[in-house]
Amino acid sequence: MTLFSRILYTVIAFTLLAAAILLIGVAVWRTATGYWTGDNALETMLDGIGLIIIAVAVADVGKFLFEEEVVADRELRRPAEARGSLTKFMTIMIVALSLESLVLIAKTSRETMGNIIYPGLLMFLAVTAMVGLGLFQKLSQNATAAVPPDHADGKDGRTTAGSRSRSRTVGNEEAVSV
């Protein structure tokens, strides 16, 4: 099953990369066509920038999946691994949302200001996601600190109850965990 999942994630990652390259090609083609015909050159440039931002986000998601599922081949057994992976993924999404909202704000500011609601809500969503990620980081800090990084007993990365006893310092007192 591991070989199947590695092949599947590899295919998904390269498909996402191919889609990102196609999006970049479409963005360049549409921008060049709009520029040469003089048909709303600025509008097509801003559309091209939006497509490139989406392409970068799609490529980053493909790279993330490939790194996490194929290269690293982890199952996120420790809280620190899950926290790091989620942080990477959410950072990609937050950056893409922020850049896309900036492009949309630039586009709508040239038109009617009544249409600024959607880009404003998109920026609010990006900021809310960033605050949520920060809150997640703060709240999950205790879970990450509670499990030492070398908390594994060899084969499968898990420690069974009673197999090992560790001591750690909490404040000025030493606490023993079993």
Protein backbone atom coordinates (compact mmCIF):
# COMPACT_ATOMS: atom_id res chain seq x y z
CA MET A 1 0.00 0.00 0.00
CA THR A 2 2.90 2.37 0.67
CA LEU A 3 4.19 2.01 -2.89
CA PHE A 4 0.71 2.71 -4.27
CA SER A 5 0.30 5.84 -2.15
CA ARG A 6 3.76 7.11 -3.13
CA ILE A 7 2.96 6.61 -6.82
CA LEU A 8 -0.44 8.26 -6.37
CA TYR A 9 1.00 11.31 -4.60
CA THR A 10 3.76 11.57 -7.19
CA VAL A 11 1.19 11.60 -10.00
CA ILE A 12 -0.92 14.17 -8.13
CA ALA A 13 2.11 16.40 -7.46
CA PHE A 14 3.29 16.32 -11.07
CA THR A 15 -0.26 16.91 -12.34
CA LEU A 16 -0.50 19.99 -10.13
CA LEU A 17 2.89 21.15 -11.40
CA ALA A 18 1.76 20.65 -15.02
CA ALA A 19 -1.44 22.60 -14.28
CA ALA A 20 0.63 25.42 -12.78
CA ILE A 21 2.85 25.55 -15.86
CA LEU A 22 -0.25 25.61 -18.08
CA LEU A 23 -1.71 28.47 -16.02
CA ILE A 24 1.51 30.44 -16.42
CA GLY A 25 1.44 29.80 -20.17
CA VAL A 26 -2.17 30.98 -20.39
CA ALA A 27 -1.30 34.07 -18.34
CA VAL A 28 1.63 34.96 -20.60
CA TRP A 29 -0.40 34.30 -23.75
CA ARG A 30 -3.40 36.37 -22.62
CA THR A 31 -1.20 39.21 -21.39
CA ALA A 32 0.83 39.32 -24.60
CA THR A 33 -2.31 39.15 -26.74
CA GLY A 34 -3.98 41.91 -24.75
CA TYR A 35 -0.86 44.06 -24.90
CA TRP A 36 -0.36 43.67 -28.66
CA THR A 37 -4.00 44.26 -29.55
CA GLY A 38 -4.28 47.16 -27.14
CA ASP A 39 -7.47 45.63 -25.76
CA ASN A 40 -7.53 46.61 -22.08
CA ALA A 41 -3.79 46.03 -21.69
CA LEU A 42 -3.76 46.88 -18.00
CA GLU A 43 -6.79 44.69 -17.31
CA THR A 44 -5.21 41.70 -19.05
CA MET A 45 -1.93 42.28 -17.20
CA LEU A 46 -3.72 42.23 -13.86
CA ASP A 47 -5.59 39.08 -14.93
CA GLY A 48 -2.24 37.54 -15.89
CA ILE A 49 -0.77 38.41 -12.52
CA GLY A 50 -3.78 36.80 -10.82
CA LEU A 51 -3.32 33.63 -12.88
CA ILE A 52 0.39 33.51 -12.04
CA ILE A 53 -0.40 33.89 -8.33
CA ILE A 54 -2.83 30.98 -8.56
CA ALA A 55 -0.22 28.99 -10.51
CA VAL A 56 2.39 29.57 -7.80
CA ALA A 57 -0.07 28.45 -5.13
CA VAL A 58 -0.95 25.30 -7.13
CA ALA A 59 2.76 24.54 -7.69
CA ASP A 60 3.46 25.06 -3.98
CA VAL A 61 0.66 22.67 -3.02
CA GLY A 62 2.08 20.07 -5.44
CA LYS A 63 5.57 20.56 -4.02
CA PHE A 64 4.20 20.33 -0.48
CA LEU A 65 2.39 17.05 -1.24
CA PHE A 66 5.47 15.60 -2.92
CA GLU A 67 7.78 16.57 -0.05
CA GLU A 68 5.43 15.41 2.71
CA GLU A 69 4.03 12.22 1.21
CA VAL A 70 6.72 10.93 -1.15
CA VAL A 71 10.12 12.23 -0.06
CA ALA A 72 9.62 12.41 3.72
CA ASP A 73 7.16 9.46 3.87
CA ARG A 74 5.90 10.40 7.33
CA GLU A 75 2.65 9.68 8.97
CA LEU A 76 2.76 12.69 11.29
CA ARG A 77 3.01 10.73 14.50
CA ARG A 78 4.36 13.58 16.59
CA PRO A 79 2.53 16.85 17.23
CA ALA A 80 5.55 18.83 15.99
CA GLU A 81 5.37 17.13 12.58
CA ALA A 82 1.65 17.78 12.20
CA ARG A 83 2.09 21.35 13.38
CA GLY A 84 4.90 21.99 10.89
CA SER A 85 3.00 20.46 7.97
CA LEU A 86 -0.18 22.36 8.71
CA THR A 87 1.77 25.58 9.13
CA LYS A 88 3.47 25.11 5.73
CA PHE A 89 0.20 24.38 3.97
CA MET A 90 -1.71 27.24 5.58
CA THR A 91 1.13 29.65 4.85
CA ILE A 92 0.87 28.78 1.15
CA MET A 93 -2.86 29.43 1.21
CA ILE A 94 -2.57 32.69 3.18
CA VAL A 95 0.07 34.10 0.82
CA ALA A 96 -2.02 33.15 -2.23
CA LEU A 97 -5.18 34.71 -0.73
CA SER A 98 -3.32 37.89 0.20
CA LEU A 99 -1.72 38.34 -3.21
CA GLU A 100 -4.95 37.57 -5.05
CA SER A 101 -6.86 40.09 -2.94
CA LEU A 102 -4.23 42.75 -3.63
CA VAL A 103 -4.55 42.15 -7.39
CA LEU A 104 -8.33 42.32 -7.14
CA ILE A 105 -8.13 45.53 -5.11
CA ALA A 106 -5.89 47.06 -7.79
CA LYS A 107 -8.34 45.97 -10.50
CA THR A 108 -11.48 47.23 -8.77
CA SER A 109 -9.91 50.51 -7.70
CA ARG A 110 -9.62 51.37 -11.40
CA GLU A 111 -13.30 50.60 -11.93
CA THR A 112 -16.14 51.34 -9.54
CA MET A 113 -15.42 51.40 -5.84
CA GLY A 114 -18.71 49.62 -5.15
CA ASN A 115 -17.08 46.38 -6.27
CA ILE A 116 -14.40 46.59 -3.58
CA ILE A 117 -16.45 44.42 -1.20
CA TYR A 118 -15.31 41.07 -2.64
CA PRO A 119 -11.56 41.89 -2.62
CA GLY A 120 -11.97 43.39 0.86
CA LEU A 121 -13.66 40.23 2.11
CA LEU A 122 -10.93 38.14 0.50
CA MET A 123 -8.27 40.18 2.33
CA PHE A 124 -10.28 39.83 5.55
CA LEU A 125 -10.35 36.07 4.98
CA ALA A 126 -6.56 36.02 4.52
CA VAL A 127 -6.04 38.02 7.72
CA THR A 128 -8.50 35.78 9.59
CA ALA A 129 -6.67 32.69 8.36
CA MET A 130 -3.37 34.20 9.51
CA VAL A 131 -4.80 35.00 12.94
CA GLY A 132 -6.24 31.48 13.10
CA LEU A 133 -2.86 30.01 12.21
CA GLY A 134 -1.21 32.11 14.91
CA LEU A 135 -3.81 30.96 17.41
CA PHE A 136 -3.25 27.35 16.37
CA GLN A 137 0.50 27.82 16.81
CA LYS A 138 0.03 29.31 20.27
CA LEU A 139 -2.43 26.67 21.45
CA SER A 140 -0.49 23.74 20.03
CA GLN A 141 2.77 24.92 21.55
CA ASN A 142 2.06 23.04 24.78
CA ALA A 143 1.36 19.77 22.97
CA THR A 144 4.58 20.09 21.01
CA ALA A 145 6.62 20.92 24.11
CA ALA A 146 5.11 18.02 26.07
CA VAL A 147 6.41 15.38 23.63
CA PRO A 148 10.21 15.33 23.39
CA PRO A 149 11.60 15.05 19.83
CA ASP A 150 13.42 11.79 20.65
CA HIS A 151 10.26 10.21 22.08
CA ALA A 152 10.50 7.08 19.94
CA ASP A 153 11.52 3.53 20.59
CA GLY A 154 12.87 2.44 17.26
CA LYS A 155 10.70 0.68 14.71
CA ASP A 156 7.48 2.60 14.35
CA GLY A 157 8.28 5.86 16.15
CA ARG A 158 5.87 5.23 19.04
CA THR A 159 6.61 4.69 22.68
CA THR A 160 4.45 2.26 24.54
CA ALA A 161 3.37 2.84 28.12
CA GLY A 162 5.97 1.59 30.54
CA SER A 163 8.65 1.01 27.91
CA ARG A 164 10.65 4.07 28.81
CA SER A 165 10.80 6.56 31.62
CA ARG A 166 11.96 10.12 30.99
CA SER A 167 12.47 13.01 33.31
CA ARG A 168 12.19 16.61 32.34
CA THR A 169 12.46 19.84 34.24
CA VAL A 170 9.26 21.78 34.74
CA GLY A 171 9.95 25.18 36.24
CA ASN A 172 12.37 24.49 39.14
CA GLU A 173 11.04 21.00 39.83
CA GLU A 174 11.79 17.77 38.05
CA ALA A 175 8.80 15.81 36.79
CA VAL A 176 9.07 12.18 35.82
CA SER A 177 6.88 10.92 33.00
CA VAL A 178 6.36 7.26 32.25
